Structures are given as structure tokens and as C-alpha cells.
Amino acid sequence: RHPERAKNRRNLVLKVLYEQDKITQQQYQQAR
């Protein structure tokens, strides 16, 4: 129902994972 809202929320989770060195920059960009 709210795809843009969901995508922004998902990307925030990915950003936190990247900033905490849980995923690489390449993984972050590809998933984002």
C-alpha cells in the first residue's frame, strides 16, 4: 500500500547495517 514509504524504511535499515560494518559498501549499494 505504501511502497515508497517501505523502501525508505528498508534503506534506513541497510544504512545502519553499512555504518555498523555489517555489510560492505557494494552490498549496501546493490541492496539499496
PDB file of all heavy atoms in Angstrom:
ATOM      1  N   ARG A   1       0.817  -1.229   0.000  1.00  0.00           N
ATOM      2  CA  ARG A   1       0.000   0.000   0.000  1.00  0.00           C
ATOM      3  C   ARG A   1       0.841   1.265   0.000  1.00  0.00           C
ATOM      4  O   ARG A   1       0.407   2.304  -0.508  1.00  0.00           O
ATOM      5  CB  ARG A   1      -0.951  -0.006   1.206  1.00  0.00           C
ATOM      6  CG  ARG A   1      -2.030  -1.081   1.127  1.00  0.00           C
ATOM      7  CD  ARG A   1      -3.054  -0.939   2.235  1.00  0.00           C
ATOM      8  NE  ARG A   1      -2.454  -1.201   3.549  1.00  0.00           N
ATOM      9  CZ  ARG A   1      -2.598  -0.423   4.600  1.00  0.00           C
ATOM     10  NH1 ARG A   1      -3.301   0.701   4.503  1.00  0.00           N
ATOM     11  NH2 ARG A   1      -2.044  -0.737   5.763  1.00  0.00           N
ATOM     12  N   HIS A   2       2.042   1.183   0.574  1.00  0.00           N
ATOM     13  CA  HIS A   2       2.904   2.365   0.683  1.00  0.00           C
ATOM     14  C   HIS A   2       4.330   2.015   0.250  1.00  0.00           C
ATOM     15  O   HIS A   2       5.253   1.987   1.078  1.00  0.00           O
ATOM     16  CB  HIS A   2       2.903   2.891   2.129  1.00  0.00           C
ATOM     17  CG  HIS A   2       1.545   3.094   2.719  1.00  0.00           C
ATOM     18  ND1 HIS A   2       0.674   4.068   2.252  1.00  0.00           N
ATOM     19  CD2 HIS A   2       0.890   2.443   3.716  1.00  0.00           C
ATOM     20  CE1 HIS A   2      -0.447   4.010   2.950  1.00  0.00           C
ATOM     21  NE2 HIS A   2      -0.346   3.023   3.838  1.00  0.00           N
ATOM     22  N   PRO A   3       4.532   1.709  -1.036  1.00  0.00           N
ATOM     23  CA  PRO A   3       5.850   1.222  -1.495  1.00  0.00           C
ATOM     24  C   PRO A   3       6.996   2.206  -1.255  1.00  0.00           C
ATOM     25  O   PRO A   3       8.086   1.790  -0.859  1.00  0.00           O
ATOM     26  CB  PRO A   3       5.627   0.961  -2.989  1.00  0.00           C
ATOM     27  CG  PRO A   3       4.400   1.739  -3.351  1.00  0.00           C
ATOM     28  CD  PRO A   3       3.554   1.750  -2.136  1.00  0.00           C
ATOM     29  N   GLU A   4       6.780   3.498  -1.489  1.00  0.00           N
ATOM     30  CA  GLU A   4       7.868   4.460  -1.296  1.00  0.00           C
ATOM     31  C   GLU A   4       8.237   4.567   0.183  1.00  0.00           C
ATOM     32  O   GLU A   4       9.410   4.626   0.555  1.00  0.00           O
ATOM     33  CB  GLU A   4       7.470   5.835  -1.846  1.00  0.00           C
ATOM     34  CG  GLU A   4       7.472   5.910  -3.360  1.00  0.00           C
ATOM     35  CD  GLU A   4       8.825   5.545  -3.949  1.00  0.00           C
ATOM     36  OE1 GLU A   4       9.854   6.036  -3.413  1.00  0.00           O
ATOM     37  OE2 GLU A   4       8.871   4.763  -4.913  1.00  0.00           O
ATOM     38  N   ARG A   5       7.228   4.581   1.024  1.00  0.00           N
ATOM     39  CA  ARG A   5       7.459   4.639   2.467  1.00  0.00           C
ATOM     40  C   ARG A   5       8.232   3.395   2.925  1.00  0.00           C
ATOM     41  O   ARG A   5       9.163   3.478   3.731  1.00  0.00           O
ATOM     42  CB  ARG A   5       6.098   4.724   3.164  1.00  0.00           C
ATOM     43  CG  ARG A   5       6.141   5.114   4.625  1.00  0.00           C
ATOM     44  CD  ARG A   5       4.725   5.106   5.186  1.00  0.00           C
ATOM     45  NE  ARG A   5       3.903   6.198   4.662  1.00  0.00           N
ATOM     46  CZ  ARG A   5       2.594   6.302   4.848  1.00  0.00           C
ATOM     47  NH1 ARG A   5       1.938   5.355   5.525  1.00  0.00           N
ATOM     48  NH2 ARG A   5       1.925   7.328   4.364  1.00  0.00           N
ATOM     49  N   ALA A   6       7.842   2.234   2.382  1.00  0.00           N
ATOM     50  CA  ALA A   6       8.502   0.976   2.751  1.00  0.00           C
ATOM     51  C   ALA A   6       9.949   0.956   2.260  1.00  0.00           C
ATOM     52  O   ALA A   6      10.847   0.493   2.973  1.00  0.00           O
ATOM     53  CB  ALA A   6       7.727  -0.209   2.179  1.00  0.00           C
ATOM     54  N   LYS A   7      10.169   1.469   1.047  1.00  0.00           N
ATOM     55  CA  LYS A   7      11.533   1.463   0.506  1.00  0.00           C
ATOM     56  C   LYS A   7      12.446   2.373   1.331  1.00  0.00           C
ATOM     57  O   LYS A   7      13.599   2.023   1.617  1.00  0.00           O
ATOM     58  CB  LYS A   7      11.534   1.882  -0.961  1.00  0.00           C
ATOM     59  CG  LYS A   7      12.918   1.887  -1.587  1.00  0.00           C
ATOM     60  CD  LYS A   7      12.875   2.158  -3.084  1.00  0.00           C
ATOM     61  CE  LYS A   7      12.444   0.936  -3.856  1.00  0.00           C
ATOM     62  NZ  LYS A   7      12.636   1.113  -5.321  1.00  0.00           N
ATOM     63  N   ASN A   8      11.943   3.536   1.727  1.00  0.00           N
ATOM     64  CA  ASN A   8      12.749   4.439   2.551  1.00  0.00           C
ATOM     65  C   ASN A   8      13.100   3.794   3.891  1.00  0.00           C
ATOM     66  O   ASN A   8      14.222   3.924   4.384  1.00  0.00           O
ATOM     67  CB  ASN A   8      12.000   5.757   2.788  1.00  0.00           C
ATOM     68  CG  ASN A   8      11.901   6.594   1.520  1.00  0.00           C
ATOM     69  OD1 ASN A   8      12.734   6.449   0.613  1.00  0.00           O
ATOM     70  ND2 ASN A   8      10.896   7.447   1.445  1.00  0.00           N
ATOM     71  N   ARG A   9      12.132   3.094   4.450  1.00  0.00           N
ATOM     72  CA  ARG A   9      12.372   2.419   5.729  1.00  0.00           C
ATOM     73  C   ARG A   9      13.406   1.297   5.552  1.00  0.00           C
ATOM     74  O   ARG A   9      14.315   1.137   6.366  1.00  0.00           O
ATOM     75  CB  ARG A   9      11.051   1.848   6.248  1.00  0.00           C
ATOM     76  CG  ARG A   9      11.165   1.047   7.544  1.00  0.00           C
ATOM     77  CD  ARG A   9      11.530   1.924   8.715  1.00  0.00           C
ATOM     78  NE  ARG A   9      11.625   1.130   9.941  1.00  0.00           N
ATOM     79  CZ  ARG A   9      12.146   1.584  11.074  1.00  0.00           C
ATOM     80  NH1 ARG A   9      12.627   2.810  11.146  1.00  0.00           N
ATOM     81  NH2 ARG A   9      12.193   0.804  12.136  1.00  0.00           N
ATOM     82  N   ARG A  10      13.253   0.527   4.491  1.00  0.00           N
ATOM     83  CA  ARG A  10      14.214  -0.546   4.208  1.00  0.00           C
ATOM     84  C   ARG A  10      15.623   0.007   4.039  1.00  0.00           C
ATOM     85  O   ARG A  10      16.603  -0.528   4.560  1.00  0.00           O
ATOM     86  CB  ARG A  10      13.792  -1.293   2.937  1.00  0.00           C
ATOM     87  CG  ARG A  10      14.729  -2.413   2.524  1.00  0.00           C
ATOM     88  CD  ARG A  10      14.589  -2.769   1.073  1.00  0.00           C
ATOM     89  NE  ARG A  10      15.126  -1.723   0.195  1.00  0.00           N
ATOM     90  CZ  ARG A  10      15.119  -1.800  -1.131  1.00  0.00           C
ATOM     91  NH1 ARG A  10      14.571  -2.849  -1.726  1.00  0.00           N
ATOM     92  NH2 ARG A  10      15.630  -0.825  -1.863  1.00  0.00           N
ATOM     93  N   ASN A  11      15.732   1.092   3.275  1.00  0.00           N
ATOM     94  CA  ASN A  11      17.050   1.670   3.016  1.00  0.00           C
ATOM     95  C   ASN A  11      17.682   2.231   4.282  1.00  0.00           C
ATOM     96  O   ASN A  11      18.907   2.268   4.407  1.00  0.00           O
ATOM     97  CB  ASN A  11      16.950   2.745   1.939  1.00  0.00           C
ATOM     98  CG  ASN A  11      16.667   2.161   0.559  1.00  0.00           C
ATOM     99  OD1 ASN A  11      16.768   0.936   0.393  1.00  0.00           O
ATOM    100  ND2 ASN A  11      16.328   2.991  -0.392  1.00  0.00           N
ATOM    101  N   LEU A  12      16.854   2.667   5.227  1.00  0.00           N
ATOM    102  CA  LEU A  12      17.398   3.118   6.508  1.00  0.00           C
ATOM    103  C   LEU A  12      18.028   1.947   7.254  1.00  0.00           C
ATOM    104  O   LEU A  12      19.110   2.077   7.846  1.00  0.00           O
ATOM    105  CB  LEU A  12      16.278   3.735   7.354  1.00  0.00           C
ATOM    106  CG  LEU A  12      16.679   4.162   8.787  1.00  0.00           C
ATOM    107  CD1 LEU A  12      17.774   5.221   8.737  1.00  0.00           C
ATOM    108  CD2 LEU A  12      15.462   4.669   9.558  1.00  0.00           C
ATOM    109  N   VAL A  13      17.371   0.788   7.227  1.00  0.00           N
ATOM    110  CA  VAL A  13      17.927  -0.408   7.853  1.00  0.00           C
ATOM    111  C   VAL A  13      19.266  -0.764   7.197  1.00  0.00           C
ATOM    112  O   VAL A  13      20.257  -1.077   7.873  1.00  0.00           O
ATOM    113  CB  VAL A  13      16.945  -1.594   7.745  1.00  0.00           C
ATOM    114  CG1 VAL A  13      17.588  -2.884   8.265  1.00  0.00           C
ATOM    115  CG2 VAL A  13      15.669  -1.292   8.515  1.00  0.00           C
ATOM    116  N   LEU A  14      19.308  -0.708   5.870  1.00  0.00           N
ATOM    117  CA  LEU A  14      20.541  -1.021   5.150  1.00  0.00           C
ATOM    118  C   LEU A  14      21.656  -0.039   5.514  1.00  0.00           C
ATOM    119  O   LEU A  14      22.825  -0.427   5.664  1.00  0.00           O
ATOM    120  CB  LEU A  14      20.289  -0.993   3.644  1.00  0.00           C
ATOM    121  CG  LEU A  14      19.397  -2.108   3.090  1.00  0.00           C
ATOM    122  CD1 LEU A  14      18.990  -1.802   1.655  1.00  0.00           C
ATOM    123  CD2 LEU A  14      20.115  -3.455   3.172  1.00  0.00           C
ATOM    124  N   LYS A  15      21.295   1.235   5.652  1.00  0.00           N
ATOM    125  CA  LYS A  15      22.286   2.255   6.001  1.00  0.00           C
ATOM    126  C   LYS A  15      22.903   1.967   7.367  1.00  0.00           C
ATOM    127  O   LYS A  15      24.126   2.073   7.554  1.00  0.00           O
ATOM    128  CB  LYS A  15      21.642   3.636   5.985  1.00  0.00           C
ATOM    129  CG  LYS A  15      22.613   4.772   6.277  1.00  0.00           C
ATOM    130  CD  LYS A  15      21.896   6.120   6.235  1.00  0.00           C
ATOM    131  CE  LYS A  15      22.874   7.246   6.549  1.00  0.00           C
ATOM    132  NZ  LYS A  15      22.193   8.568   6.571  1.00  0.00           N
ATOM    133  N   VAL A  16      22.065   1.585   8.325  1.00  0.00           N
ATOM    134  CA  VAL A  16      22.560   1.261   9.663  1.00  0.00           C
ATOM    135  C   VAL A  16      23.497   0.048   9.603  1.00  0.00           C
ATOM    136  O   VAL A  16      24.559   0.023  10.238  1.00  0.00           O
ATOM    137  CB  VAL A  16      21.386   1.004  10.643  1.00  0.00           C
ATOM    138  CG1 VAL A  16      21.905   0.479  11.978  1.00  0.00           C
ATOM    139  CG2 VAL A  16      20.577   2.273  10.835  1.00  0.00           C
ATOM    140  N   LEU A  17      23.112  -0.957   8.837  1.00  0.00           N
ATOM    141  CA  LEU A  17      23.962  -2.145   8.677  1.00  0.00           C
ATOM    142  C   LEU A  17      25.326  -1.769   8.103  1.00  0.00           C
ATOM    143  O   LEU A  17      26.368  -2.254   8.548  1.00  0.00           O
ATOM    144  CB  LEU A  17      23.281  -3.166   7.765  1.00  0.00           C
ATOM    145  CG  LEU A  17      22.097  -3.940   8.353  1.00  0.00           C
ATOM    146  CD1 LEU A  17      21.376  -4.710   7.258  1.00  0.00           C
ATOM    147  CD2 LEU A  17      22.571  -4.893   9.447  1.00  0.00           C
ATOM    148  N   TYR A  18      25.314  -0.886   7.110  1.00  0.00           N
ATOM    149  CA  TYR A  18      26.564  -0.458   6.487  1.00  0.00           C
ATOM    150  C   TYR A  18      27.413   0.355   7.464  1.00  0.00           C
ATOM    151  O   TYR A  18      28.625   0.135   7.588  1.00  0.00           O
ATOM    152  CB  TYR A  18      26.264   0.351   5.228  1.00  0.00           C
ATOM    153  CG  TYR A  18      27.489   0.983   4.604  1.00  0.00           C
ATOM    154  CD1 TYR A  18      28.564   0.197   4.195  1.00  0.00           C
ATOM    155  CD2 TYR A  18      27.558   2.363   4.450  1.00  0.00           C
ATOM    156  CE1 TYR A  18      29.692   0.778   3.632  1.00  0.00           C
ATOM    157  CE2 TYR A  18      28.685   2.951   3.883  1.00  0.00           C
ATOM    158  CZ  TYR A  18      29.754   2.154   3.478  1.00  0.00           C
ATOM    159  OH  TYR A  18      30.878   2.732   2.933  1.00  0.00           O
ATOM    160  N   GLU A  19      26.774   1.287   8.177  1.00  0.00           N
ATOM    161  CA  GLU A  19      27.517   2.143   9.104  1.00  0.00           C
ATOM    162  C   GLU A  19      28.102   1.354  10.271  1.00  0.00           C
ATOM    163  O   GLU A  19      29.114   1.755  10.854  1.00  0.00           O
ATOM    164  CB  GLU A  19      26.598   3.253   9.632  1.00  0.00           C
ATOM    165  CG  GLU A  19      26.236   4.291   8.570  1.00  0.00           C
ATOM    166  CD  GLU A  19      25.234   5.307   9.072  1.00  0.00           C
ATOM    167  OE1 GLU A  19      24.585   5.031  10.118  1.00  0.00           O
ATOM    168  OE2 GLU A  19      25.097   6.367   8.423  1.00  0.00           O
ATOM    169  N   GLN A  20      27.491   0.214  10.577  1.00  0.00           N
ATOM    170  CA  GLN A  20      28.000  -0.623  11.663  1.00  0.00           C
ATOM    171  C   GLN A  20      28.895  -1.755  11.139  1.00  0.00           C
ATOM    172  O   GLN A  20      29.185  -2.714  11.862  1.00  0.00           O
ATOM    173  CB  GLN A  20      26.835  -1.201  12.468  1.00  0.00           C
ATOM    174  CG  GLN A  20      26.023  -0.130  13.195  1.00  0.00           C
ATOM    175  CD  GLN A  20      24.959  -0.710  14.112  1.00  0.00           C
ATOM    176  OE1 GLN A  20      24.823  -1.919  14.231  1.00  0.00           O
ATOM    177  NE2 GLN A  20      24.210   0.166  14.764  1.00  0.00           N
ATOM    178  N   ASP A  21      29.318  -1.629   9.851  1.00  0.00           N
ATOM    179  CA  ASP A  21      30.251  -2.587   9.232  1.00  0.00           C
ATOM    180  C   ASP A  21      29.719  -4.019   9.203  1.00  0.00           C
ATOM    181  O   ASP A  21      30.482  -4.983   9.272  1.00  0.00           O
ATOM    182  CB  ASP A  21      31.606  -2.556   9.954  1.00  0.00           C
ATOM    183  CG  ASP A  21      32.318  -1.228   9.796  1.00  0.00           C
ATOM    184  OD1 ASP A  21      32.178  -0.621   8.717  1.00  0.00           O
ATOM    185  OD2 ASP A  21      33.011  -0.799  10.740  1.00  0.00           O
ATOM    186  N   LYS A  22      28.395  -4.144   9.112  1.00  0.00           N
ATOM    187  CA  LYS A  22      27.802  -5.478   8.988  1.00  0.00           C
ATOM    188  C   LYS A  22      27.728  -5.925   7.524  1.00  0.00           C
ATOM    189  O   LYS A  22      27.620  -7.111   7.242  1.00  0.00           O
ATOM    190  CB  LYS A  22      26.395  -5.497   9.599  1.00  0.00           C
ATOM    191  CG  LYS A  22      26.349  -5.107  11.075  1.00  0.00           C
ATOM    192  CD  LYS A  22      27.152  -6.064  11.921  1.00  0.00           C
ATOM    193  CE  LYS A  22      27.037  -5.696  13.397  1.00  0.00           C
ATOM    194  NZ  LYS A  22      27.880  -6.557  14.263  1.00  0.00           N
ATOM    195  N   ILE A  23      27.721  -4.963   6.611  1.00  0.00           N
ATOM    196  CA  ILE A  23      27.715  -5.267   5.178  1.00  0.00           C
ATOM    197  C   ILE A  23      28.722  -4.350   4.492  1.00  0.00           C
ATOM    198  O   ILE A  23      29.080  -3.299   5.021  1.00  0.00           O
ATOM    199  CB  ILE A  23      26.314  -5.074   4.540  1.00  0.00           C
ATOM    200  CG1 ILE A  23      25.835  -3.636   4.729  1.00  0.00           C
ATOM    201  CG2 ILE A  23      25.317  -6.080   5.121  1.00  0.00           C
ATOM    202  CD1 ILE A  23      24.511  -3.349   4.040  1.00  0.00           C
ATOM    203  N   THR A  24      29.171  -4.760   3.298  1.00  0.00           N
ATOM    204  CA  THR A  24      30.144  -3.964   2.552  1.00  0.00           C
ATOM    205  C   THR A  24      29.436  -2.843   1.805  1.00  0.00           C
ATOM    206  O   THR A  24      28.200  -2.850   1.654  1.00  0.00           O
ATOM    207  CB  THR A  24      30.899  -4.832   1.547  1.00  0.00           C
ATOM    208  OG1 THR A  24      29.967  -5.291   0.547  1.00  0.00           O
ATOM    209  CG2 THR A  24      31.541  -6.032   2.231  1.00  0.00           C
ATOM    210  N   GLN A  25      30.219  -1.915   1.291  1.00  0.00           N
ATOM    211  CA  GLN A  25      29.641  -0.820   0.513  1.00  0.00           C
ATOM    212  C   GLN A  25      28.965  -1.350  -0.748  1.00  0.00           C
ATOM    213  O   GLN A  25      27.884  -0.879  -1.139  1.00  0.00           O
ATOM    214  CB  GLN A  25      30.717   0.192   0.136  1.00  0.00           C
ATOM    215  CG  GLN A  25      30.155   1.398  -0.630  1.00  0.00           C
ATOM    216  CD  GLN A  25      31.220   2.437  -0.929  1.00  0.00           C
ATOM    217  OE1 GLN A  25      32.398   2.210  -0.726  1.00  0.00           O
ATOM    218  NE2 GLN A  25      30.794   3.595  -1.415  1.00  0.00           N
ATOM    219  N   GLN A  26      29.585  -2.353  -1.388  1.00  0.00           N
ATOM    220  CA  GLN A  26      28.980  -2.935  -2.591  1.00  0.00           C
ATOM    221  C   GLN A  26      27.643  -3.595  -2.265  1.00  0.00           C
ATOM    222  O   GLN A  26      26.661  -3.434  -3.003  1.00  0.00           O
ATOM    223  CB  GLN A  26      29.932  -3.956  -3.214  1.00  0.00           C
ATOM    224  CG  GLN A  26      29.389  -4.580  -4.502  1.00  0.00           C
ATOM    225  CD  GLN A  26      30.347  -5.582  -5.104  1.00  0.00           C
ATOM    226  OE1 GLN A  26      31.404  -5.847  -4.562  1.00  0.00           O
ATOM    227  NE2 GLN A  26      29.983  -6.155  -6.237  1.00  0.00           N
ATOM    228  N   GLN A  27      27.585  -4.339  -1.159  1.00  0.00           N
ATOM    229  CA  GLN A  27      26.324  -4.966  -0.753  1.00  0.00           C
ATOM    230  C   GLN A  27      25.275  -3.903  -0.448  1.00  0.00           C
ATOM    231  O   GLN A  27      24.097  -4.055  -0.804  1.00  0.00           O
ATOM    232  CB  GLN A  27      26.557  -5.838   0.488  1.00  0.00           C
ATOM    233  CG  GLN A  27      27.337  -7.110   0.231  1.00  0.00           C
ATOM    234  CD  GLN A  27      27.643  -7.855   1.518  1.00  0.00           C
ATOM    235  OE1 GLN A  27      28.041  -7.249   2.525  1.00  0.00           O
ATOM    236  NE2 GLN A  27      27.450  -9.168   1.505  1.00  0.00           N
ATOM    237  N   TYR A  28      25.702  -2.836   0.207  1.00  0.00           N
ATOM    238  CA  TYR A  28      24.780  -1.752   0.551  1.00  0.00           C
ATOM    239  C   TYR A  28      24.182  -1.107  -0.699  1.00  0.00           C
ATOM    240  O   TYR A  28      22.958  -0.931  -0.804  1.00  0.00           O
ATOM    241  CB  TYR A  28      25.520  -0.714   1.401  1.00  0.00           C
ATOM    242  CG  TYR A  28      24.751   0.572   1.623  1.00  0.00           C
ATOM    243  CD1 TYR A  28      23.501   0.567   2.252  1.00  0.00           C
ATOM    244  CD2 TYR A  28      25.262   1.793   1.204  1.00  0.00           C
ATOM    245  CE1 TYR A  28      22.792   1.743   2.461  1.00  0.00           C
ATOM    246  CE2 TYR A  28      24.568   2.976   1.398  1.00  0.00           C
ATOM    247  CZ  TYR A  28      23.339   2.951   2.025  1.00  0.00           C
ATOM    248  OH  TYR A  28      22.638   4.114   2.216  1.00  0.00           O
ATOM    249  N   GLN A  29      25.047  -0.779  -1.655  1.00  0.00           N
ATOM    250  CA  GLN A  29      24.565  -0.109  -2.861  1.00  0.00           C
ATOM    251  C   GLN A  29      23.662  -1.026  -3.684  1.00  0.00           C
ATOM    252  O   GLN A  29      22.621  -0.602  -4.200  1.00  0.00           O
ATOM    253  CB  GLN A  29      25.759   0.364  -3.710  1.00  0.00           C
ATOM    254  CG  GLN A  29      26.552   1.505  -3.088  1.00  0.00           C
ATOM    255  CD  GLN A  29      25.737   2.784  -2.963  1.00  0.00           C
ATOM    256  OE1 GLN A  29      24.713   2.956  -3.618  1.00  0.00           O
ATOM    257  NE2 GLN A  29      26.183   3.689  -2.097  1.00  0.00           N
ATOM    258  N   GLN A  30      24.051  -2.286  -3.800  1.00  0.00           N
ATOM    259  CA  GLN A  30      23.249  -3.227  -4.594  1.00  0.00           C
ATOM    260  C   GLN A  30      21.874  -3.445  -3.965  1.00  0.00           C
ATOM    261  O   GLN A  30      20.850  -3.444  -4.653  1.00  0.00           O
ATOM    262  CB  GLN A  30      23.986  -4.556  -4.732  1.00  0.00           C
ATOM    263  CG  GLN A  30      23.300  -5.542  -5.694  1.00  0.00           C
ATOM    264  CD  GLN A  30      24.134  -6.787  -5.931  1.00  0.00           C
ATOM    265  OE1 GLN A  30      25.123  -7.029  -5.242  1.00  0.00           O
ATOM    266  NE2 GLN A  30      23.745  -7.603  -6.900  1.00  0.00           N
ATOM    267  N   ALA A  31      21.844  -3.619  -2.642  1.00  0.00           N
ATOM    268  CA  ALA A  31      20.563  -3.835  -1.956  1.00  0.00           C
ATOM    269  C   ALA A  31      19.711  -2.575  -1.969  1.00  0.00           C
ATOM    270  O   ALA A  31      18.483  -2.627  -2.101  1.00  0.00           O
ATOM    271  CB  ALA A  31      20.822  -4.286  -0.517  1.00  0.00           C
ATOM    272  N   ARG A  32      20.343  -1.424  -1.835  1.00  0.00           N
ATOM    273  CA  ARG A  32      19.623  -0.148  -1.819  1.00  0.00           C
ATOM    274  C   ARG A  32      18.947   0.124  -3.159  1.00  0.00           C
ATOM    275  O   ARG A  32      17.870   0.719  -3.224  1.00  0.00           O
ATOM    276  CB  ARG A  32      20.593   0.981  -1.475  1.00  0.00           C
ATOM    277  CG  ARG A  32      19.918   2.295  -1.119  1.00  0.00           C
ATOM    278  CD  ARG A  32      20.960   3.332  -0.707  1.00  0.00           C
ATOM    279  NE  ARG A  32      20.322   4.531  -0.197  1.00  0.00           N
ATOM    280  CZ  ARG A  32      19.804   5.492  -0.964  1.00  0.00           C
ATOM    281  NH1 ARG A  32      19.879   5.381  -2.274  1.00  0.00           N
ATOM    282  NH2 ARG A  32      19.231   6.548  -0.431  1.00  0.00           N
TER     283      ARG A  32
END
